[in-house]
Amino acid sequence: MTVQPRERRIIHMDMDAFYAAVETLDRPEIKGRPVIVGGSSRRGVVSSASYEARAYGIHSAQPIATAKRLCPDGVFLPVRMRRYQEVSSRIMEIFGRFTPLVEPVSIDEAFLDVTGSERLFGSVVEIAGALKKLVLEETGLTVSAGVAPNKFLAKIASDMDKPDGLTVVEPGMVAAFLDPLPIDRLWGVGEATRRTLTGTLGVRRIGDLKRLPRGLLERRFGKLGLRLYDLARGRDEREVVPGHEVKSIGHERTYPEDILDPDRARREILYLADLVARRLRRKGFSGKTVTLKVKYADFTLRTRSSTLALGTDDAREIYAACLALLPRTEVGRRPLRLLGVSVSNLEREMDRQLALFQDERRLKKRRLNLATDRVQEKFGDRVIGPGSLLEKDE
């Protein structure tokens, strides 16, 4: 006799306008007003907007200057990441009371697999309701929940009835749930893919996509086409992976004025490389892939990456990799508003790996960097650092 696999019970929990909600919680006098959290300079962008602010057309990633034009009387507040992380930790702890299978996706959302928890806490819908109730009671914040047989469906469901919603997608109602939705609700459908699907293939809704042959999607879009074929049918076999694995470490800055001078841009990149290197060492990582991010004055975004032979946590090596990427950008030829440096393809225990390669020079350099970190933590960033950093513009 063949044993059928048990239907999974997945919940996606998504906090409602998280940063703005925390600020309203800490400042009751602004409750009910449009609250916008983001960069404090006029060149910054919106990180979070309350639902009152969204009524004015304000949304995440929008320039702060635009948000102020749309809602001049709004409450504009800077990001307080440490406070949000503190609240997030409390929320994740609540999730963990019902299942060990909690996968944080970001600071304000997580997937939970409660397939094995129903005999202890009731049905998946009862568990989702209990989670919402506990989060509200213990933090004062609302959270929206999506309940479904897999992560993809649960994620879409959590966004259907915000704020403070609870949407359930039963296995037998997947087609009725997905078919009317626009195709950009599918993971992987960005603006370019949407234009191709709509303009060339006449696809506007997920139900339209289901009518296209699998082979056609594969020829047009490769592996993405095969994934879209499955997602349009509500298929997603990914497991909920407990914990949160750090995949990259980076830092970026938006500048008050556009930068055109290439020497200034290089100094800024060195500064960012040093910040990233120190964070890598503090967290015990090295990384092989260096990525340079450039956003030009017209908001065009470009990223360029290269992979090193050995992992690094050294600022000069990260900086050198970024310099090698510069000719593949238009830095110095087009004004830019943002620069970012990140390192991915991370590894741990760099000391042991360096010893394994018997690279005494690199090992000594890393120990010197760690000693430098300790001095900087005690006396400030400018006491010791790469020479060009000491000349960095204020």
Foldseek 3Di string as FASTA:
>chain_A
DDDDDDQWKKKKKFFAQQQQQLVCVVPVVCPPFWEFEWDPFQQIWTCGIHPNLVVLVHDGRHGPVVSCVSPVPGHYYYGDVVSLQVLLVVLVVLLVVQDQLWADPDSGMIMDTNRVRCVPQNDSQSVVVVSQVVSCVPPVTGIFMAIESDDLRRVVQSPPDDDNYYGYDYPVCQLVVFFAAFLVSDPPDDPVNSCCCCVPVVGTGLVSLQPDDLVVLCVVPNPVSNVSNQVSVVDDDDDRHGDYDDFKFKDKDFDNDWDQALVLVLLVLLVRLLVRLLVCVVVQKFFFKKKKWWQFPVRDIDIDIDGHPDTDSDSVVSSVRVVVCVVVDCRNPTTTGMIMMMGGRMDGDVLVVCVVVVVVVRNVVVVVVVVVSVVCVVPNDQPDDPPSNVVRDD
